[in-house]
Amino acid sequence: MQYQDKNHYVVKSMYLCRHLQQEGFELKKVKVNKFYPRHNVYLFEHTDELMKAITEYRQMKEEAGYCNPREQQ
């Protein structure tokens, strides 16, 4: 599940977080996931460019034949 925290976009996937950083997006914060305290969430500035990069990432994963159900939520 992806949700927003003020002007941040919250990413639960460590793989998506790493991909976004490799694409040049700055990781703003890492927080403990309030629903699953053993996991972290990663906050990025919510921009149109970020949303485009996330969409492209998901398309790339689908085309490769792998799609994590948690990333679809």
PDB file of N, CA and C in Angstrom:
ATOM      1  N   MET A   1       0.851  -1.182   0.000  1.00  0.00           N
ATOM      2  CA  MET A   1       0.000   0.000   0.000  1.00  0.00           C
ATOM      3  C   MET A   1       0.892   1.239   0.000  1.00  0.00           C
ATOM      4  N   GLN A   2       0.602   2.135  -0.880  1.00  0.00           N
ATOM      5  CA  GLN A   2       1.315   3.407  -0.932  1.00  0.00           C
ATOM      6  C   GLN A   2       0.353   4.468  -0.400  1.00  0.00           C
ATOM      7  N   TYR A   3       0.837   5.309   0.461  1.00  0.00           N
ATOM      8  CA  TYR A   3      -0.006   6.383   0.984  1.00  0.00           C
ATOM      9  C   TYR A   3       0.831   7.633   1.153  1.00  0.00           C
ATOM     10  N   GLN A   4       0.180   8.739   1.351  1.00  0.00           N
ATOM     11  CA  GLN A   4       0.882  10.016   1.431  1.00  0.00           C
ATOM     12  C   GLN A   4       0.999  10.501   2.871  1.00  0.00           C
ATOM     13  N   ASP A   5       2.105  11.163   3.149  1.00  0.00           N
ATOM     14  CA  ASP A   5       2.362  11.784   4.447  1.00  0.00           C
ATOM     15  C   ASP A   5       2.737  13.230   4.146  1.00  0.00           C
ATOM     16  N   LYS A   6       1.763  14.140   4.247  1.00  0.00           N
ATOM     17  CA  LYS A   6       1.943  15.555   3.891  1.00  0.00           C
ATOM     18  C   LYS A   6       2.394  15.651   2.439  1.00  0.00           C
ATOM     19  N   ASN A   7       3.566  16.255   2.129  1.00  0.00           N
ATOM     20  CA  ASN A   7       3.981  16.314   0.727  1.00  0.00           C
ATOM     21  C   ASN A   7       4.987  15.224   0.410  1.00  0.00           C
ATOM     22  N   HIS A   8       4.970  14.167   1.192  1.00  0.00           N
ATOM     23  CA  HIS A   8       5.846  13.043   0.926  1.00  0.00           C
ATOM     24  C   HIS A   8       5.038  11.892   0.330  1.00  0.00           C
ATOM     25  N   TYR A   9       5.720  11.116  -0.492  1.00  0.00           N
ATOM     26  CA  TYR A   9       5.141   9.877  -0.990  1.00  0.00           C
ATOM     27  C   TYR A   9       5.828   8.757  -0.234  1.00  0.00           C
ATOM     28  N   VAL A  10       5.063   7.881   0.372  1.00  0.00           N
ATOM     29  CA  VAL A  10       5.600   6.830   1.215  1.00  0.00           C
ATOM     30  C   VAL A  10       5.714   5.543   0.408  1.00  0.00           C
ATOM     31  N   VAL A  11       6.916   4.991   0.398  1.00  0.00           N
ATOM     32  CA  VAL A  11       7.204   3.756  -0.330  1.00  0.00           C
ATOM     33  C   VAL A  11       7.523   2.675   0.690  1.00  0.00           C
ATOM     34  N   LYS A  12       6.894   1.523   0.559  1.00  0.00           N
ATOM     35  CA  LYS A  12       7.158   0.416   1.470  1.00  0.00           C
ATOM     36  C   LYS A  12       8.222  -0.533   0.936  1.00  0.00           C
ATOM     37  N   SER A  13       8.414  -0.556  -0.348  1.00  0.00           N
ATOM     38  CA  SER A  13       9.334  -1.495  -0.965  1.00  0.00           C
ATOM     39  C   SER A  13      10.771  -0.975  -0.947  1.00  0.00           C
ATOM     40  N   MET A  14      11.667  -1.762  -0.347  1.00  0.00           N
ATOM     41  CA  MET A  14      13.076  -1.402  -0.330  1.00  0.00           C
ATOM     42  C   MET A  14      13.639  -1.396  -1.757  1.00  0.00           C
ATOM     43  N   TYR A  15      13.135  -2.294  -2.610  1.00  0.00           N
ATOM     44  CA  TYR A  15      13.608  -2.375  -3.992  1.00  0.00           C
ATOM     45  C   TYR A  15      13.200  -1.136  -4.789  1.00  0.00           C
ATOM     46  N   LEU A  16      11.960  -0.705  -4.600  1.00  0.00           N
ATOM     47  CA  LEU A  16      11.510   0.516  -5.275  1.00  0.00           C
ATOM     48  C   LEU A  16      12.289   1.718  -4.746  1.00  0.00           C
ATOM     49  N   CYS A  17      12.537   1.757  -3.453  1.00  0.00           N
ATOM     50  CA  CYS A  17      13.321   2.840  -2.857  1.00  0.00           C
ATOM     51  C   CYS A  17      14.701   2.912  -3.506  1.00  0.00           C
ATOM     52  N   ARG A  18      15.362   1.773  -3.622  1.00  0.00           N
ATOM     53  CA  ARG A  18      16.695   1.741  -4.225  1.00  0.00           C
ATOM     54  C   ARG A  18      16.643   2.184  -5.681  1.00  0.00           C
ATOM     55  N   HIS A  19      15.630   1.734  -6.411  1.00  0.00           N
ATOM     56  CA  HIS A  19      15.478   2.121  -7.820  1.00  0.00           C
ATOM     57  C   HIS A  19      15.310   3.634  -7.950  1.00  0.00           C
ATOM     58  N   LEU A  20      14.471   4.202  -7.114  1.00  0.00           N
ATOM     59  CA  LEU A  20      14.238   5.645  -7.179  1.00  0.00           C
ATOM     60  C   LEU A  20      15.513   6.428  -6.860  1.00  0.00           C
ATOM     61  N   GLN A  21      16.281   5.948  -5.910  1.00  0.00           N
ATOM     62  CA  GLN A  21      17.541   6.612  -5.595  1.00  0.00           C
ATOM     63  C   GLN A  21      18.516   6.513  -6.763  1.00  0.00           C
ATOM     64  N   GLN A  22      18.545   5.364  -7.433  1.00  0.00           N
ATOM     65  CA  GLN A  22      19.412   5.196  -8.592  1.00  0.00           C
ATOM     66  C   GLN A  22      18.984   6.110  -9.738  1.00  0.00           C
ATOM     67  N   GLU A  23      17.697   6.452  -9.772  1.00  0.00           N
ATOM     68  CA  GLU A  23      17.180   7.354 -10.797  1.00  0.00           C
ATOM     69  C   GLU A  23      17.397   8.823 -10.421  1.00  0.00           C
ATOM     70  N   GLY A  24      17.951   9.069  -9.240  1.00  0.00           N
ATOM     71  CA  GLY A  24      18.296  10.433  -8.850  1.00  0.00           C
ATOM     72  C   GLY A  24      17.352  11.095  -7.868  1.00  0.00           C
ATOM     73  N   PHE A  25      16.353  10.373  -7.387  1.00  0.00           N
ATOM     74  CA  PHE A  25      15.416  10.945  -6.414  1.00  0.00           C
ATOM     75  C   PHE A  25      16.029  10.866  -5.026  1.00  0.00           C
ATOM     76  N   GLU A  26      15.846  11.929  -4.263  1.00  0.00           N
ATOM     77  CA  GLU A  26      16.437  12.011  -2.928  1.00  0.00           C
ATOM     78  C   GLU A  26      15.503  11.402  -1.888  1.00  0.00           C
ATOM     79  N   LEU A  27      16.030  10.468  -1.141  1.00  0.00           N
ATOM     80  CA  LEU A  27      15.305   9.882  -0.024  1.00  0.00           C
ATOM     81  C   LEU A  27      15.260  10.923   1.091  1.00  0.00           C
ATOM     82  N   LYS A  28      14.065  11.339   1.471  1.00  0.00           N
ATOM     83  CA  LYS A  28      13.919  12.403   2.470  1.00  0.00           C
ATOM     84  C   LYS A  28      13.988  11.873   3.898  1.00  0.00           C
ATOM     85  N   LYS A  29      13.358  10.714   4.135  1.00  0.00           N
ATOM     86  CA  LYS A  29      13.293  10.172   5.487  1.00  0.00           C
ATOM     87  C   LYS A  29      13.056   8.681   5.437  1.00  0.00           C
ATOM     88  N   VAL A  30      13.504   8.014   6.481  1.00  0.00           N
ATOM     89  CA  VAL A  30      13.163   6.603   6.705  1.00  0.00           C
ATOM     90  C   VAL A  30      12.445   6.560   8.044  1.00  0.00           C
ATOM     91  N   LYS A  31      11.279   5.924   8.052  1.00  0.00           N
ATOM     92  CA  LYS A  31      10.503   5.804   9.290  1.00  0.00           C
ATOM     93  C   LYS A  31      10.144   4.347   9.510  1.00  0.00           C
ATOM     94  N   VAL A  32       9.796   4.032  10.733  1.00  0.00           N
ATOM     95  CA  VAL A  32       9.296   2.702  11.049  1.00  0.00           C
ATOM     96  C   VAL A  32       7.855   2.619  10.546  1.00  0.00           C
ATOM     97  N   ASN A  33       7.531   1.524   9.891  1.00  0.00           N
ATOM     98  CA  ASN A  33       6.169   1.296   9.406  1.00  0.00           C
ATOM     99  C   ASN A  33       5.258   1.128  10.616  1.00  0.00           C
ATOM    100  N   LYS A  34       4.276   2.007  10.761  1.00  0.00           N
ATOM    101  CA  LYS A  34       3.422   1.973  11.951  1.00  0.00           C
ATOM    102  C   LYS A  34       2.509   0.756  11.992  1.00  0.00           C
ATOM    103  N   PHE A  35       2.292   0.104  10.837  1.00  0.00           N
ATOM    104  CA  PHE A  35       1.452  -1.090  10.804  1.00  0.00           C
ATOM    105  C   PHE A  35       2.276  -2.364  11.005  1.00  0.00           C
ATOM    106  N   TYR A  36       3.537  -2.326  10.587  1.00  0.00           N
ATOM    107  CA  TYR A  36       4.452  -3.457  10.712  1.00  0.00           C
ATOM    108  C   TYR A  36       5.782  -2.929  11.249  1.00  0.00           C
ATOM    109  N   PRO A  37       5.897  -2.784  12.563  1.00  0.00           N
ATOM    110  CA  PRO A  37       7.060  -2.127  13.166  1.00  0.00           C
ATOM    111  C   PRO A  37       8.416  -2.759  12.838  1.00  0.00           C
ATOM    112  N   ARG A  38       8.431  -3.980  12.353  1.00  0.00           N
ATOM    113  CA  ARG A  38       9.704  -4.605  11.966  1.00  0.00           C
ATOM    114  C   ARG A  38      10.206  -4.091  10.616  1.00  0.00           C
ATOM    115  N   HIS A  39       9.364  -3.373   9.910  1.00  0.00           N
ATOM    116  CA  HIS A  39       9.717  -2.869   8.575  1.00  0.00           C
ATOM    117  C   HIS A  39       9.803  -1.350   8.572  1.00  0.00           C
ATOM    118  N   ASN A  40      10.502  -0.842   7.578  1.00  0.00           N
ATOM    119  CA  ASN A  40      10.620   0.602   7.392  1.00  0.00           C
ATOM    120  C   ASN A  40       9.768   1.066   6.224  1.00  0.00           C
ATOM    121  N   VAL A  41       9.486   2.356   6.191  1.00  0.00           N
ATOM    122  CA  VAL A  41       8.904   3.005   5.015  1.00  0.00           C
ATOM    123  C   VAL A  41       9.863   4.115   4.606  1.00  0.00           C
ATOM    124  N   TYR A  42       9.829   4.474   3.339  1.00  0.00           N
ATOM    125  CA  TYR A  42      10.782   5.413   2.767  1.00  0.00           C
ATOM    126  C   TYR A  42      10.009   6.589   2.185  1.00  0.00           C
ATOM    127  N   LEU A  43      10.369   7.786   2.584  1.00  0.00           N
ATOM    128  CA  LEU A  43       9.639   8.976   2.168  1.00  0.00           C
ATOM    129  C   LEU A  43      10.427   9.766   1.125  1.00  0.00           C
ATOM    130  N   PHE A  44       9.740  10.064   0.028  1.00  0.00           N
ATOM    131  CA  PHE A  44      10.287  10.869  -1.054  1.00  0.00           C
ATOM    132  C   PHE A  44       9.384  12.076  -1.237  1.00  0.00           C
ATOM    133  N   GLU A  45       9.942  13.149  -1.767  1.00  0.00           N
ATOM    134  CA  GLU A  45       9.122  14.321  -2.083  1.00  0.00           C
ATOM    135  C   GLU A  45       8.141  13.943  -3.183  1.00  0.00           C
ATOM    136  N   HIS A  46       6.865  14.235  -2.955  1.00  0.00           N
ATOM    137  CA  HIS A  46       5.806  13.867  -3.903  1.00  0.00           C
ATOM    138  C   HIS A  46       5.814  14.836  -5.084  1.00  0.00           C
ATOM    139  N   THR A  47       6.248  14.350  -6.250  1.00  0.00           N
ATOM    140  CA  THR A  47       6.288  15.170  -7.463  1.00  0.00           C
ATOM    141  C   THR A  47       5.725  14.366  -8.625  1.00  0.00           C
ATOM    142  N   ASP A  48       5.398  15.060  -9.706  1.00  0.00           N
ATOM    143  CA  ASP A  48       4.930  14.371 -10.906  1.00  0.00           C
ATOM    144  C   ASP A  48       6.024  13.469 -11.471  1.00  0.00           C
ATOM    145  N   GLU A  49       7.280  13.918 -11.386  1.00  0.00           N
ATOM    146  CA  GLU A  49       8.405  13.127 -11.895  1.00  0.00           C
ATOM    147  C   GLU A  49       8.543  11.821 -11.099  1.00  0.00           C
ATOM    148  N   LEU A  50       8.351  11.899  -9.794  1.00  0.00           N
ATOM    149  CA  LEU A  50       8.419  10.701  -8.955  1.00  0.00           C
ATOM    150  C   LEU A  50       7.326   9.722  -9.354  1.00  0.00           C
ATOM    151  N   MET A  51       6.115  10.224  -9.539  1.00  0.00           N
ATOM    152  CA  MET A  51       4.999   9.347  -9.903  1.00  0.00           C
ATOM    153  C   MET A  51       5.250   8.681 -11.258  1.00  0.00           C
ATOM    154  N   LYS A  52       5.835   9.419 -12.188  1.00  0.00           N
ATOM    155  CA  LYS A  52       6.164   8.857 -13.500  1.00  0.00           C
ATOM    156  C   LYS A  52       7.209   7.751 -13.348  1.00  0.00           C
ATOM    157  N   ALA A  53       8.213   7.972 -12.525  1.00  0.00           N
ATOM    158  CA  ALA A  53       9.262   6.971 -12.303  1.00  0.00           C
ATOM    159  C   ALA A  53       8.690   5.709 -11.654  1.00  0.00           C
ATOM    160  N   ILE A  54       7.755   5.872 -10.722  1.00  0.00           N
ATOM    161  CA  ILE A  54       7.125   4.714 -10.072  1.00  0.00           C
ATOM    162  C   ILE A  54       6.300   3.925 -11.076  1.00  0.00           C
ATOM    163  N   THR A  55       5.558   4.621 -11.925  1.00  0.00           N
ATOM    164  CA  THR A  55       4.762   3.957 -12.960  1.00  0.00           C
ATOM    165  C   THR A  55       5.661   3.182 -13.915  1.00  0.00           C
ATOM    166  N   GLU A  56       6.765   3.790 -14.328  1.00  0.00           N
ATOM    167  CA  GLU A  56       7.704   3.111 -15.223  1.00  0.00           C
ATOM    168  C   GLU A  56       8.325   1.889 -14.553  1.00  0.00           C
ATOM    169  N   TYR A  57       8.638   1.980 -13.269  1.00  0.00           N
ATOM    170  CA  TYR A  57       9.193   0.860 -12.510  1.00  0.00           C
ATOM    171  C   TYR A  57       8.206  -0.305 -12.491  1.00  0.00           C
ATOM    172  N   ARG A  58       6.960  -0.008 -12.197  1.00  0.00           N
ATOM    173  CA  ARG A  58       5.938  -1.069 -12.145  1.00  0.00           C
ATOM    174  C   ARG A  58       5.738  -1.718 -13.513  1.00  0.00           C
ATOM    175  N   GLN A  59       5.749  -0.913 -14.578  1.00  0.00           N
ATOM    176  CA  GLN A  59       5.618  -1.468 -15.929  1.00  0.00           C
ATOM    177  C   GLN A  59       6.797  -2.367 -16.255  1.00  0.00           C
ATOM    178  N   MET A  60       7.992  -1.942 -15.875  1.00  0.00           N
ATOM    179  CA  MET A  60       9.195  -2.727 -16.119  1.00  0.00           C
ATOM    180  C   MET A  60       9.101  -4.070 -15.386  1.00  0.00           C
ATOM    181  N   LYS A  61       8.620  -4.051 -14.144  1.00  0.00           N
ATOM    182  CA  LYS A  61       8.479  -5.283 -13.364  1.00  0.00           C
ATOM    183  C   LYS A  61       7.439  -6.211 -13.993  1.00  0.00           C
ATOM    184  N   GLU A  62       6.331  -5.658 -14.465  1.00  0.00           N
ATOM    185  CA  GLU A  62       5.299  -6.470 -15.113  1.00  0.00           C
ATOM    186  C   GLU A  62       5.826  -7.116 -16.379  1.00  0.00           C
ATOM    187  N   GLU A  63       6.540  -6.337 -17.187  1.00  0.00           N
ATOM    188  CA  GLU A  63       7.092  -6.859 -18.437  1.00  0.00           C
ATOM    189  C   GLU A  63       8.115  -7.953 -18.179  1.00  0.00           C
ATOM    190  N   ALA A  64       8.810  -7.879 -17.052  1.00  0.00           N
ATOM    191  CA  ALA A  64       9.806  -8.895 -16.702  1.00  0.00           C
ATOM    192  C   ALA A  64       9.134 -10.149 -16.129  1.00  0.00           C
ATOM    193  N   GLY A  65       7.821 -10.073 -15.924  1.00  0.00           N
ATOM    194  CA  GLY A  65       7.088 -11.225 -15.433  1.00  0.00           C
ATOM    195  C   GLY A  65       7.035 -11.328 -13.924  1.00  0.00           C
ATOM    196  N   TYR A  66       7.493 -10.299 -13.248  1.00  0.00           N
ATOM    197  CA  TYR A  66       7.448 -10.314 -11.792  1.00  0.00           C
ATOM    198  C   TYR A  66       6.701  -9.087 -11.317  1.00  0.00           C
ATOM    199  N   CYS A  67       5.759  -9.308 -10.441  1.00  0.00           N
ATOM    200  CA  CYS A  67       5.036  -8.184  -9.857  1.00  0.00           C
ATOM    201  C   CYS A  67       4.726  -8.524  -8.417  1.00  0.00           C
ATOM    202  N   ASN A  68       5.283  -7.774  -7.499  1.00  0.00           N
ATOM    203  CA  ASN A  68       5.062  -7.977  -6.083  1.00  0.00           C
ATOM    204  C   ASN A  68       3.662  -7.481  -5.726  1.00  0.00           C
ATOM    205  N   PRO A  69       2.793  -8.323  -5.178  1.00  0.00           N
ATOM    206  CA  PRO A  69       1.418  -7.885  -4.836  1.00  0.00           C
ATOM    207  C   PRO A  69       1.401  -6.691  -3.903  1.00  0.00           C
ATOM    208  N   ARG A  70       2.380  -6.553  -3.013  1.00  0.00           N
ATOM    209  CA  ARG A  70       2.409  -5.426  -2.089  1.00  0.00           C
ATOM    210  C   ARG A  70       2.639  -4.126  -2.818  1.00  0.00           C
ATOM    211  N   GLU A  71       3.361  -4.160  -3.958  1.00  0.00           N
ATOM    212  CA  GLU A  71       3.621  -2.938  -4.712  1.00  0.00           C
ATOM    213  C   GLU A  71       2.406  -2.503  -5.526  1.00  0.00           C
ATOM    214  N   GLN A  72       1.461  -3.391  -5.766  1.00  0.00           N
ATOM    215  CA  GLN A  72       0.277  -3.049  -6.552  1.00  0.00           C
ATOM    216  C   GLN A  72      -0.757  -2.318  -5.728  1.00  0.00           C
ATOM    217  N   GLN A  73      -0.691  -2.445  -4.435  1.00  0.00           N
ATOM    218  CA  GLN A  73      -1.709  -1.850  -3.569  1.00  0.00           C
ATOM    219  C   GLN A  73      -1.591  -0.367  -3.517  1.00  0.00           C
TER     220      GLN A  73
END
